[in-house]
Amino acid sequence: MGRRGYLVLTLALALVFFGILLLPSTLLARLNAERTLTSQSALQALYLAEAGAWEAIARLDSQNGPGQAVWVCRTAGASCTPASPEYVGCYTYSTTQPTDCTAPSLPSGGTVTLWGFGKTKGGSVRWVRVSYDTANQTVLSWEVLP
């Protein structure tokens, strides 16, 4: 094989080598994009759960009693339902760990434990468990659950 043959062989090996390096990086980029989408949905569910916990605290402080589960849409329209194209998700609160956006319930007493729950349109759910001192209006603990 002449000098030209070695050059072609070296070039071919270099292309194969760089192709092998490129394949895993494209697969990793795709997986990272999927992970980013799911993490954004989980983060949105967390924001909704926190909204539920804060609403429960506000209702405890004002002694208004439980309200209702809240549906959240991107724009303020006439009606926001899970069937709306602008629907983002829902949140609620409860004395026990909720599994869906159902009618909320409030605990009673001096030091209470309540749950904030958030669920996105895509089905991601998150919970926040809060220990709250109603007499001093103080959050004693705030725990984000997976």
N, C-alpha and C. Protein backbone atom coordinates (compact mmCIF):
# COMPACT_ATOMS: atom_id res chain seq x y z
N MET A 1 0.84 -1.15 0.00
CA MET A 1 0.00 0.00 0.00
C MET A 1 0.90 1.23 0.00
N GLY A 2 0.52 2.17 -0.79
CA GLY A 2 1.33 3.37 -0.89
C GLY A 2 0.93 4.40 0.16
N ARG A 3 1.60 5.49 0.00
CA ARG A 3 1.36 6.60 0.92
C ARG A 3 -0.10 7.08 0.85
N ARG A 4 -0.63 7.06 -0.34
CA ARG A 4 -2.00 7.49 -0.53
C ARG A 4 -2.98 6.53 0.16
N GLY A 5 -2.68 5.24 0.15
CA GLY A 5 -3.52 4.24 0.80
C GLY A 5 -3.57 4.45 2.30
N TYR A 6 -2.42 4.76 2.91
CA TYR A 6 -2.39 5.03 4.35
C TYR A 6 -3.20 6.27 4.70
N LEU A 7 -3.14 7.26 3.86
CA LEU A 7 -3.89 8.49 4.08
C LEU A 7 -5.39 8.23 4.04
N VAL A 8 -5.85 7.45 3.06
CA VAL A 8 -7.26 7.12 2.95
C VAL A 8 -7.70 6.26 4.14
N LEU A 9 -6.88 5.29 4.52
CA LEU A 9 -7.19 4.43 5.65
C LEU A 9 -7.25 5.25 6.95
N THR A 10 -6.33 6.14 7.15
CA THR A 10 -6.30 6.99 8.34
C THR A 10 -7.55 7.88 8.38
N LEU A 11 -7.89 8.44 7.24
CA LEU A 11 -9.08 9.30 7.16
C LEU A 11 -10.34 8.49 7.47
N ALA A 12 -10.44 7.27 6.95
CA ALA A 12 -11.61 6.42 7.18
C ALA A 12 -11.71 6.06 8.66
N LEU A 13 -10.59 5.71 9.29
CA LEU A 13 -10.59 5.39 10.72
C LEU A 13 -10.97 6.60 11.57
N ALA A 14 -10.49 7.77 11.18
CA ALA A 14 -10.82 8.99 11.91
C ALA A 14 -12.33 9.28 11.82
N LEU A 15 -12.92 9.09 10.64
CA LEU A 15 -14.35 9.31 10.48
C LEU A 15 -15.17 8.32 11.31
N VAL A 16 -14.75 7.08 11.34
CA VAL A 16 -15.43 6.07 12.15
C VAL A 16 -15.31 6.43 13.63
N PHE A 17 -14.11 6.83 14.05
CA PHE A 17 -13.88 7.20 15.44
C PHE A 17 -14.77 8.37 15.85
N PHE A 18 -14.83 9.42 15.04
CA PHE A 18 -15.65 10.58 15.37
C PHE A 18 -17.15 10.24 15.29
N GLY A 19 -17.52 9.34 14.41
CA GLY A 19 -18.91 8.89 14.34
C GLY A 19 -19.32 8.15 15.61
N ILE A 20 -18.41 7.32 16.12
CA ILE A 20 -18.66 6.60 17.37
C ILE A 20 -18.79 7.58 18.53
N LEU A 21 -17.97 8.62 18.53
CA LEU A 21 -18.07 9.63 19.58
C LEU A 21 -19.35 10.45 19.47
N LEU A 22 -19.79 10.72 18.27
CA LEU A 22 -20.95 11.56 18.04
C LEU A 22 -22.26 10.86 18.41
N LEU A 23 -22.35 9.57 18.17
CA LEU A 23 -23.58 8.82 18.44
C LEU A 23 -24.02 8.91 19.90
N PRO A 24 -23.15 8.61 20.87
CA PRO A 24 -23.59 8.72 22.27
C PRO A 24 -23.97 10.15 22.67
N SER A 25 -23.27 11.13 22.13
CA SER A 25 -23.60 12.51 22.50
C SER A 25 -24.97 12.91 21.99
N THR A 26 -25.38 12.43 20.81
CA THR A 26 -26.71 12.75 20.31
C THR A 26 -27.78 12.02 21.12
N LEU A 27 -27.48 10.80 21.54
CA LEU A 27 -28.43 10.07 22.38
C LEU A 27 -28.57 10.76 23.74
N LEU A 28 -27.47 11.21 24.30
CA LEU A 28 -27.51 11.91 25.59
C LEU A 28 -28.27 13.23 25.46
N ALA A 29 -28.08 13.93 24.37
CA ALA A 29 -28.79 15.19 24.16
C ALA A 29 -30.29 14.94 24.09
N ARG A 30 -30.69 13.87 23.45
CA ARG A 30 -32.12 13.54 23.36
C ARG A 30 -32.68 13.19 24.73
N LEU A 31 -31.95 12.38 25.50
CA LEU A 31 -32.40 12.03 26.84
C LEU A 31 -32.48 13.26 27.74
N ASN A 32 -31.52 14.16 27.60
CA ASN A 32 -31.53 15.38 28.40
C ASN A 32 -32.74 16.24 28.05
N ALA A 33 -33.10 16.31 26.79
CA ALA A 33 -34.28 17.08 26.38
C ALA A 33 -35.55 16.47 26.98
N GLU A 34 -35.64 15.15 27.00
CA GLU A 34 -36.80 14.49 27.61
C GLU A 34 -36.84 14.74 29.10
N ARG A 35 -35.69 14.67 29.76
CA ARG A 35 -35.61 14.91 31.20
C ARG A 35 -36.00 16.35 31.52
N THR A 36 -35.61 17.30 30.68
CA THR A 36 -35.96 18.70 30.89
C THR A 36 -37.46 18.88 30.81
N LEU A 37 -38.11 18.22 29.86
CA LEU A 37 -39.56 18.33 29.75
C LEU A 37 -40.26 17.79 30.98
N THR A 38 -39.83 16.63 31.47
CA THR A 38 -40.47 16.05 32.64
C THR A 38 -40.14 16.86 33.89
N SER A 39 -38.95 17.41 33.99
CA SER A 39 -38.61 18.19 35.17
C SER A 39 -39.38 19.50 35.18
N GLN A 40 -39.67 20.09 34.01
CA GLN A 40 -40.48 21.30 33.96
C GLN A 40 -41.90 21.01 34.43
N SER A 41 -42.43 19.87 34.04
CA SER A 41 -43.78 19.49 34.45
C SER A 41 -43.81 19.23 35.96
N ALA A 42 -42.78 18.58 36.49
CA ALA A 42 -42.72 18.33 37.93
C ALA A 42 -42.58 19.64 38.70
N LEU A 43 -41.81 20.57 38.16
CA LEU A 43 -41.65 21.87 38.80
C LEU A 43 -42.97 22.63 38.80
N GLN A 44 -43.70 22.56 37.70
CA GLN A 44 -45.00 23.21 37.63
C GLN A 44 -45.96 22.59 38.65
N ALA A 45 -45.92 21.27 38.80
CA ALA A 45 -46.76 20.59 39.80
C ALA A 45 -46.37 21.04 41.21
N LEU A 46 -45.08 21.25 41.44
CA LEU A 46 -44.63 21.73 42.74
C LEU A 46 -45.17 23.12 43.03
N TYR A 47 -45.11 24.01 42.03
CA TYR A 47 -45.67 25.36 42.22
C TYR A 47 -47.15 25.30 42.55
N LEU A 48 -47.87 24.41 41.90
CA LEU A 48 -49.29 24.25 42.18
C LEU A 48 -49.52 23.73 43.59
N ALA A 49 -48.71 22.76 44.02
CA ALA A 49 -48.83 22.21 45.38
C ALA A 49 -48.54 23.29 46.42
N GLU A 50 -47.53 24.12 46.16
CA GLU A 50 -47.22 25.20 47.09
C GLU A 50 -48.36 26.21 47.15
N ALA A 51 -48.99 26.48 46.01
CA ALA A 51 -50.14 27.37 46.00
C ALA A 51 -51.26 26.80 46.86
N GLY A 52 -51.45 25.50 46.78
CA GLY A 52 -52.47 24.85 47.62
C GLY A 52 -52.16 24.99 49.09
N ALA A 53 -50.90 24.79 49.46
CA ALA A 53 -50.51 24.91 50.87
C ALA A 53 -50.69 26.35 51.36
N TRP A 54 -50.29 27.32 50.55
CA TRP A 54 -50.42 28.72 50.97
C TRP A 54 -51.89 29.14 51.06
N GLU A 55 -52.72 28.61 50.18
CA GLU A 55 -54.14 28.93 50.27
C GLU A 55 -54.73 28.36 51.56
N ALA A 56 -54.33 27.14 51.91
CA ALA A 56 -54.82 26.54 53.16
C ALA A 56 -54.40 27.39 54.36
N ILE A 57 -53.16 27.86 54.36
CA ILE A 57 -52.68 28.70 55.46
C ILE A 57 -53.48 30.01 55.52
N ALA A 58 -53.73 30.62 54.37
CA ALA A 58 -54.51 31.86 54.34
C ALA A 58 -55.93 31.63 54.86
N ARG A 59 -56.51 30.51 54.51
CA ARG A 59 -57.87 30.22 54.98
C ARG A 59 -57.88 29.91 56.47
N LEU A 60 -56.83 29.27 56.99
CA LEU A 60 -56.73 29.04 58.43
C LEU A 60 -56.62 30.38 59.17
N ASP A 61 -55.79 31.27 58.64
CA ASP A 61 -55.59 32.56 59.29
C ASP A 61 -56.86 33.42 59.26
N SER A 62 -57.59 33.39 58.16
CA SER A 62 -58.79 34.21 58.04
C SER A 62 -60.02 33.52 58.61
N GLN A 63 -59.89 32.24 58.96
CA GLN A 63 -60.99 31.42 59.50
C GLN A 63 -62.19 31.40 58.56
N ASN A 64 -61.91 31.35 57.26
CA ASN A 64 -62.98 31.32 56.26
C ASN A 64 -63.49 29.90 55.99
N GLY A 65 -62.81 28.92 56.49
CA GLY A 65 -63.21 27.55 56.19
C GLY A 65 -62.70 27.11 54.83
N PRO A 66 -62.85 25.83 54.50
CA PRO A 66 -62.33 25.34 53.23
C PRO A 66 -63.07 25.94 52.04
N GLY A 67 -62.35 26.12 50.97
CA GLY A 67 -62.94 26.64 49.73
C GLY A 67 -63.24 25.49 48.79
N GLN A 68 -62.64 25.55 47.63
CA GLN A 68 -62.80 24.48 46.65
C GLN A 68 -61.48 24.30 45.90
N ALA A 69 -61.34 23.16 45.23
CA ALA A 69 -60.14 22.92 44.43
C ALA A 69 -60.07 24.00 43.34
N VAL A 70 -58.85 24.39 42.99
CA VAL A 70 -58.65 25.48 42.03
C VAL A 70 -58.09 24.93 40.73
N TRP A 71 -58.73 25.27 39.63
CA TRP A 71 -58.23 24.95 38.30
C TRP A 71 -57.51 26.17 37.78
N VAL A 72 -56.33 25.97 37.22
CA VAL A 72 -55.49 27.08 36.76
C VAL A 72 -55.37 27.03 35.24
N CYS A 73 -55.64 28.18 34.59
CA CYS A 73 -55.47 28.32 33.15
C CYS A 73 -54.47 29.43 32.86
N ARG A 74 -53.89 29.41 31.68
CA ARG A 74 -52.88 30.42 31.30
C ARG A 74 -53.46 31.82 31.23
N THR A 75 -54.71 31.94 30.80
CA THR A 75 -55.34 33.24 30.69
C THR A 75 -56.63 33.24 31.49
N ALA A 76 -57.00 34.41 31.96
CA ALA A 76 -58.25 34.54 32.71
C ALA A 76 -59.40 34.61 31.71
N GLY A 77 -60.15 33.56 31.63
CA GLY A 77 -61.27 33.50 30.69
C GLY A 77 -62.57 33.32 31.43
N ALA A 78 -63.60 33.09 30.68
CA ALA A 78 -64.92 32.92 31.26
C ALA A 78 -64.98 31.66 32.13
N SER A 79 -64.43 30.58 31.65
CA SER A 79 -64.43 29.35 32.44
C SER A 79 -63.12 28.62 32.26
N CYS A 80 -62.64 28.07 33.35
CA CYS A 80 -61.41 27.29 33.32
C CYS A 80 -61.76 25.88 33.75
N THR A 81 -61.65 24.95 32.84
CA THR A 81 -61.93 23.54 33.13
C THR A 81 -60.78 22.70 32.59
N PRO A 82 -60.66 21.47 33.04
CA PRO A 82 -59.61 20.59 32.50
C PRO A 82 -59.71 20.38 30.99
N ALA A 83 -60.87 20.64 30.40
CA ALA A 83 -61.03 20.48 28.96
C ALA A 83 -60.58 21.72 28.19
N SER A 84 -60.34 22.83 28.89
CA SER A 84 -59.93 24.07 28.23
C SER A 84 -58.54 23.92 27.62
N PRO A 85 -58.32 24.50 26.43
CA PRO A 85 -56.98 24.42 25.83
C PRO A 85 -55.92 25.18 26.63
N GLU A 86 -56.34 26.14 27.44
CA GLU A 86 -55.42 26.94 28.25
C GLU A 86 -55.16 26.33 29.63
N TYR A 87 -55.77 25.19 29.91
CA TYR A 87 -55.66 24.55 31.22
C TYR A 87 -54.22 24.16 31.53
N VAL A 88 -53.74 24.52 32.72
CA VAL A 88 -52.38 24.20 33.16
C VAL A 88 -52.38 23.07 34.16
N GLY A 89 -53.29 23.13 35.13
CA GLY A 89 -53.34 22.12 36.17
C GLY A 89 -54.27 22.57 37.27
N CYS A 90 -54.20 21.88 38.42
CA CYS A 90 -55.07 22.22 39.54
C CYS A 90 -54.31 22.07 40.84
N TYR A 91 -54.87 22.68 41.89
CA TYR A 91 -54.31 22.48 43.22
C TYR A 91 -55.42 22.46 44.25
N THR A 92 -55.10 21.83 45.36
CA THR A 92 -56.02 21.75 46.48
C THR A 92 -55.21 21.55 47.76
N TYR A 93 -55.89 21.38 48.87
CA TYR A 93 -55.25 21.15 50.16
C TYR A 93 -56.16 20.24 50.97
N SER A 94 -55.56 19.58 51.95
CA SER A 94 -56.34 18.62 52.72
C SER A 94 -55.65 18.31 54.03
N THR A 95 -56.39 17.65 54.92
CA THR A 95 -55.82 17.20 56.19
C THR A 95 -55.07 15.87 56.01
N THR A 96 -55.37 15.16 54.92
CA THR A 96 -54.67 13.93 54.58
C THR A 96 -54.06 14.10 53.20
N GLN A 97 -53.16 13.21 52.83
CA GLN A 97 -52.46 13.33 51.54
C GLN A 97 -53.45 13.10 50.39
N PRO A 98 -53.78 14.17 49.62
CA PRO A 98 -54.73 14.00 48.52
C PRO A 98 -54.11 13.26 47.34
N THR A 99 -54.96 12.65 46.54
CA THR A 99 -54.48 11.97 45.34
C THR A 99 -55.03 12.61 44.08
N ASP A 100 -55.94 13.57 44.22
CA ASP A 100 -56.49 14.27 43.07
C ASP A 100 -57.03 15.61 43.55
N CYS A 101 -57.42 16.45 42.62
CA CYS A 101 -57.95 17.77 42.95
C CYS A 101 -59.41 17.64 43.34
N THR A 102 -59.63 17.24 44.58
CA THR A 102 -60.98 17.09 45.12
C THR A 102 -61.24 18.24 46.08
N ALA A 103 -62.44 18.25 46.64
CA ALA A 103 -62.81 19.31 47.59
C ALA A 103 -61.84 19.32 48.76
N PRO A 104 -61.33 20.50 49.11
CA PRO A 104 -60.34 20.59 50.19
C PRO A 104 -60.97 20.45 51.57
N SER A 105 -60.12 20.15 52.53
CA SER A 105 -60.53 20.11 53.94
C SER A 105 -59.45 20.79 54.76
N LEU A 106 -59.87 21.42 55.85
CA LEU A 106 -58.93 22.12 56.72
C LEU A 106 -58.87 21.46 58.08
N PRO A 107 -57.68 21.39 58.65
CA PRO A 107 -57.56 20.84 60.00
C PRO A 107 -57.98 21.90 61.04
N SER A 108 -58.18 21.46 62.26
CA SER A 108 -58.46 22.39 63.34
C SER A 108 -57.51 22.08 64.49
N GLY A 109 -57.29 23.08 65.33
CA GLY A 109 -56.40 22.89 66.47
C GLY A 109 -55.29 23.91 66.48
N GLY A 110 -54.39 23.77 67.45
CA GLY A 110 -53.29 24.73 67.60
C GLY A 110 -52.17 24.51 66.61
N THR A 111 -51.60 23.32 66.62
CA THR A 111 -50.57 22.98 65.65
C THR A 111 -51.16 21.92 64.73
N VAL A 112 -51.20 22.23 63.44
CA VAL A 112 -51.88 21.36 62.49
C VAL A 112 -50.91 20.93 61.38
N THR A 113 -51.24 19.82 60.77
CA THR A 113 -50.52 19.35 59.58
C THR A 113 -51.49 19.38 58.42
N LEU A 114 -51.05 19.99 57.33
CA LEU A 114 -51.90 20.05 56.15
C LEU A 114 -51.07 19.69 54.93
N TRP A 115 -51.76 19.30 53.87
CA TRP A 115 -51.12 18.87 52.63
C TRP A 115 -51.55 19.79 51.50
N GLY A 116 -50.59 20.29 50.74
CA GLY A 116 -50.87 20.97 49.49
C GLY A 116 -50.63 19.98 48.35
N PHE A 117 -51.49 20.01 47.36
CA PHE A 117 -51.40 19.05 46.26
C PHE A 117 -51.50 19.80 44.94
N GLY A 118 -50.61 19.47 44.00
CA GLY A 118 -50.65 20.06 42.67
C GLY A 118 -50.57 18.99 41.60
N LYS A 119 -51.35 19.18 40.54
CA LYS A 119 -51.37 18.23 39.43
C LYS A 119 -51.41 19.00 38.12
N THR A 120 -50.49 18.70 37.21
CA THR A 120 -50.45 19.38 35.92
C THR A 120 -51.36 18.68 34.93
N LYS A 121 -51.60 19.35 33.83
CA LYS A 121 -52.42 18.78 32.75
C LYS A 121 -51.82 17.47 32.26
N GLY A 122 -50.49 17.40 32.24
CA GLY A 122 -49.80 16.20 31.79
C GLY A 122 -49.82 15.06 32.79
N GLY A 123 -50.32 15.30 34.01
CA GLY A 123 -50.43 14.24 35.00
C GLY A 123 -49.35 14.22 36.06
N SER A 124 -48.38 15.14 36.01
CA SER A 124 -47.36 15.20 37.06
C SER A 124 -48.01 15.68 38.35
N VAL A 125 -47.68 15.02 39.45
CA VAL A 125 -48.23 15.41 40.75
C VAL A 125 -47.11 15.66 41.75
N ARG A 126 -47.35 16.58 42.67
CA ARG A 126 -46.41 16.87 43.77
C ARG A 126 -47.22 17.21 45.01
N TRP A 127 -46.60 16.97 46.16
CA TRP A 127 -47.21 17.27 47.43
C TRP A 127 -46.28 18.13 48.27
N VAL A 128 -46.87 18.94 49.12
CA VAL A 128 -46.15 19.70 50.12
C VAL A 128 -46.85 19.42 51.45
N ARG A 129 -46.07 18.98 52.45
CA ARG A 129 -46.64 18.75 53.79
C ARG A 129 -46.16 19.88 54.70
N VAL A 130 -47.11 20.53 55.35
CA VAL A 130 -46.80 21.70 56.16
C VAL A 130 -47.30 21.48 57.58
N SER A 131 -46.45 21.80 58.52
CA SER A 131 -46.84 21.84 59.93
C SER A 131 -46.98 23.32 60.28
N TYR A 132 -48.15 23.69 60.81
CA TYR A 132 -48.46 25.12 60.99
C TYR A 132 -49.03 25.37 62.37
N ASP A 133 -48.53 26.40 63.03
CA ASP A 133 -49.01 26.82 64.34
C ASP A 133 -50.05 27.92 64.11
N THR A 134 -51.32 27.60 64.31
CA THR A 134 -52.38 28.56 64.03
C THR A 134 -52.42 29.70 65.04
N ALA A 135 -52.01 29.44 66.28
CA ALA A 135 -52.05 30.49 67.31
C ALA A 135 -51.05 31.61 67.00
N ASN A 136 -49.85 31.23 66.56
CA ASN A 136 -48.80 32.21 66.27
C ASN A 136 -48.67 32.51 64.78
N GLN A 137 -49.50 31.85 63.96
CA GLN A 137 -49.45 32.00 62.51
C GLN A 137 -48.02 31.81 61.99
N THR A 138 -47.46 30.65 62.35
CA THR A 138 -46.07 30.35 62.02
C THR A 138 -45.97 28.99 61.33
N VAL A 139 -45.23 28.95 60.23
CA VAL A 139 -44.93 27.68 59.58
C VAL A 139 -43.80 27.01 60.36
N LEU A 140 -44.07 25.84 60.90
CA LEU A 140 -43.07 25.12 61.68
C LEU A 140 -42.19 24.23 60.80
N SER A 141 -42.80 23.64 59.78
CA SER A 141 -42.02 22.83 58.84
C SER A 141 -42.71 22.86 57.48
N TRP A 142 -41.88 22.73 56.45
CA TRP A 142 -42.36 22.76 55.07
C TRP A 142 -41.59 21.67 54.34
N GLU A 143 -42.28 20.60 53.97
CA GLU A 143 -41.62 19.45 53.36
C GLU A 143 -42.18 19.19 51.97
N VAL A 144 -41.29 19.16 50.98
CA VAL A 144 -41.69 18.85 49.61
C VAL A 144 -41.51 17.35 49.41
N LEU A 145 -42.57 16.71 48.99
CA LEU A 145 -42.54 15.25 48.78
C LEU A 145 -42.51 14.95 47.29
N PRO A 146 -41.89 13.84 46.93
CA PRO A 146 -41.80 13.49 45.49
C PRO A 146 -43.15 13.10 44.91
